[in-house]
């Protein structure tokens, strides 16, 4: 059984910073792409940032230059450093990983963590 646990969310004023972390645990053999998604009230879940197994990254246009995604393969962890936060960044943030485990390969989701940016 693989589990993803997120941490680092909370309430911050506009212009502030937060760092999200997501760690996978279980019978993990290897990991592929890791990403962060977010879902605001009344909106669909959207991709925020993605880091491939080889280290290549992709970002949603609205966060380019403000957010940085990184990974630590030894710790099965993905990070999202969020700077210059805006009220429109307020959402529940979810991590997603492609994981090869003892039972097979699949995408896994974290439980979600709230990020609230006040104006």
Protein backbone atom coordinates (compact mmCIF):
# COMPACT_ATOMS: atom_id res chain seq x y z
CA UNK A 1 0.00 0.00 0.00
CA UNK A 2 1.36 3.40 -1.00
CA UNK A 3 0.42 6.59 0.81
CA UNK A 4 1.20 10.23 0.05
CA UNK A 5 1.23 12.72 2.89
CA UNK A 6 1.33 16.48 2.31
CA UNK A 7 2.44 19.22 4.67
CA UNK A 8 3.25 22.91 4.72
CA UNK A 9 -0.04 24.55 3.86
CA UNK A 10 -1.75 27.30 5.82
CA UNK A 11 -2.74 30.94 5.84
CA UNK A 12 -0.41 33.62 4.49
CA UNK A 13 -0.74 37.24 3.45
CA UNK A 14 -0.44 38.27 -0.17
CA UNK A 15 3.20 38.54 -1.15
CA UNK A 16 4.24 35.87 1.33
CA UNK A 17 5.71 32.41 0.83
CA UNK A 18 4.89 28.82 1.67
CA UNK A 19 6.67 25.54 0.98
CA UNK A 20 4.61 22.42 0.40
CA UNK A 21 6.03 18.94 0.84
CA UNK A 22 4.64 15.56 -0.18
CA UNK A 23 6.24 12.28 0.86
CA UNK A 24 5.34 8.84 -0.40
CA UNK A 25 5.66 5.75 1.77
CA UNK A 26 5.06 2.04 1.32
CA UNK A 27 6.57 -0.71 -0.80
CA UNK A 28 8.04 1.68 -3.38
CA UNK A 29 10.38 0.37 -6.05
CA UNK A 30 10.73 3.60 -8.03
CA UNK A 31 9.06 6.88 -8.94
CA UNK A 32 8.30 8.71 -12.16
CA UNK A 33 6.71 12.09 -12.69
CA UNK A 34 5.64 14.08 -9.64
CA UNK A 35 3.28 17.00 -9.71
CA UNK A 36 1.21 19.51 -7.79
CA UNK A 37 -2.41 20.27 -8.66
CA UNK A 38 -4.88 22.64 -7.07
CA UNK A 39 -8.63 23.04 -6.86
CA UNK A 40 -10.37 26.24 -5.87
CA UNK A 41 -14.04 26.27 -4.78
CA UNK A 42 -16.34 25.86 -7.77
CA UNK A 43 -13.46 25.19 -10.16
CA UNK A 44 -11.90 22.12 -11.72
CA UNK A 45 -8.64 20.67 -10.48
CA UNK A 46 -5.73 22.10 -12.46
CA UNK A 47 -2.06 21.30 -12.90
CA UNK A 48 0.24 23.75 -11.15
CA UNK A 49 3.68 22.24 -11.73
CA UNK A 50 5.24 18.97 -12.83
CA UNK A 51 8.72 17.50 -12.47
CA UNK A 52 9.67 14.50 -14.60
CA UNK A 53 11.80 11.61 -13.42
CA UNK A 54 14.72 13.10 -15.33
CA UNK A 55 14.26 16.49 -13.68
CA UNK A 56 12.51 18.41 -16.44
CA UNK A 57 9.81 20.78 -15.20
CA UNK A 58 6.59 22.35 -16.45
CA UNK A 59 4.55 25.15 -14.88
CA UNK A 60 1.14 26.67 -15.32
CA UNK A 61 1.61 30.12 -16.85
CA UNK A 62 0.12 31.92 -13.84
CA UNK A 63 2.80 30.58 -11.47
CA UNK A 64 5.88 30.83 -13.67
CA UNK A 65 8.59 32.86 -11.95
CA UNK A 66 6.85 32.54 -8.55
CA UNK A 67 6.65 28.80 -7.86
CA UNK A 68 9.45 26.22 -8.00
CA UNK A 69 8.93 22.46 -8.00
CA UNK A 70 11.70 20.10 -6.93
CA UNK A 71 12.13 16.49 -5.88
CA UNK A 72 14.29 14.34 -3.65
CA UNK A 73 14.26 10.83 -5.06
CA UNK A 74 16.05 9.34 -2.05
CA UNK A 75 13.22 10.56 0.17
CA UNK A 76 10.37 9.94 -2.33
CA UNK A 77 9.43 13.57 -1.77
CA UNK A 78 8.28 16.42 -3.97
CA UNK A 79 8.32 20.08 -2.93
CA UNK A 80 6.58 23.22 -4.12
CA UNK A 81 8.16 26.50 -3.11
CA UNK A 82 5.56 29.23 -3.53
CA UNK A 83 6.69 32.87 -3.44
CA UNK A 84 4.86 36.13 -4.10
CA UNK A 85 1.57 34.45 -3.29
CA UNK A 86 -1.64 36.03 -4.52
CA UNK A 87 -5.24 35.66 -3.29
CA UNK A 88 -6.05 33.78 -6.51
CA UNK A 89 -3.58 31.07 -5.43
CA UNK A 90 -6.02 30.11 -2.68
CA UNK A 91 -7.04 26.48 -3.18
CA UNK A 92 -6.64 22.95 -1.93
CA UNK A 93 -3.32 21.66 -3.26
CA UNK A 94 -2.84 17.99 -4.13
CA UNK A 95 0.35 16.12 -4.93
CA UNK A 96 0.39 13.35 -7.51
CA UNK A 97 3.10 10.76 -8.19
CA UNK A 98 3.62 7.94 -10.63
CA UNK A 99 4.96 5.12 -8.48
CA UNK A 100 6.21 1.64 -9.15
CA UNK A 101 5.36 -0.43 -6.08
CA UNK A 102 5.47 -4.12 -5.23
CA UNK A 103 1.91 -4.51 -6.52
CA UNK A 104 2.40 -2.67 -9.80
CA UNK A 105 2.57 0.85 -11.22
CA UNK A 106 0.00 3.57 -10.79
CA UNK A 107 -0.66 7.25 -10.13
CA UNK A 108 -1.26 8.16 -6.50
CA UNK A 109 -2.81 11.26 -4.94
CA UNK A 110 -2.25 12.99 -1.64
CA UNK A 111 -5.18 13.90 0.60
CA UNK A 112 -4.98 17.59 -0.23
CA UNK A 113 -3.82 20.56 1.84
CA UNK A 114 -5.39 23.99 2.15
CA UNK A 115 -3.50 27.10 1.08
CA UNK A 116 -5.22 30.40 1.83
CA UNK A 117 -3.78 33.74 0.72
CA UNK A 118 -5.35 36.82 2.27
CA UNK A 119 -5.35 40.22 0.56
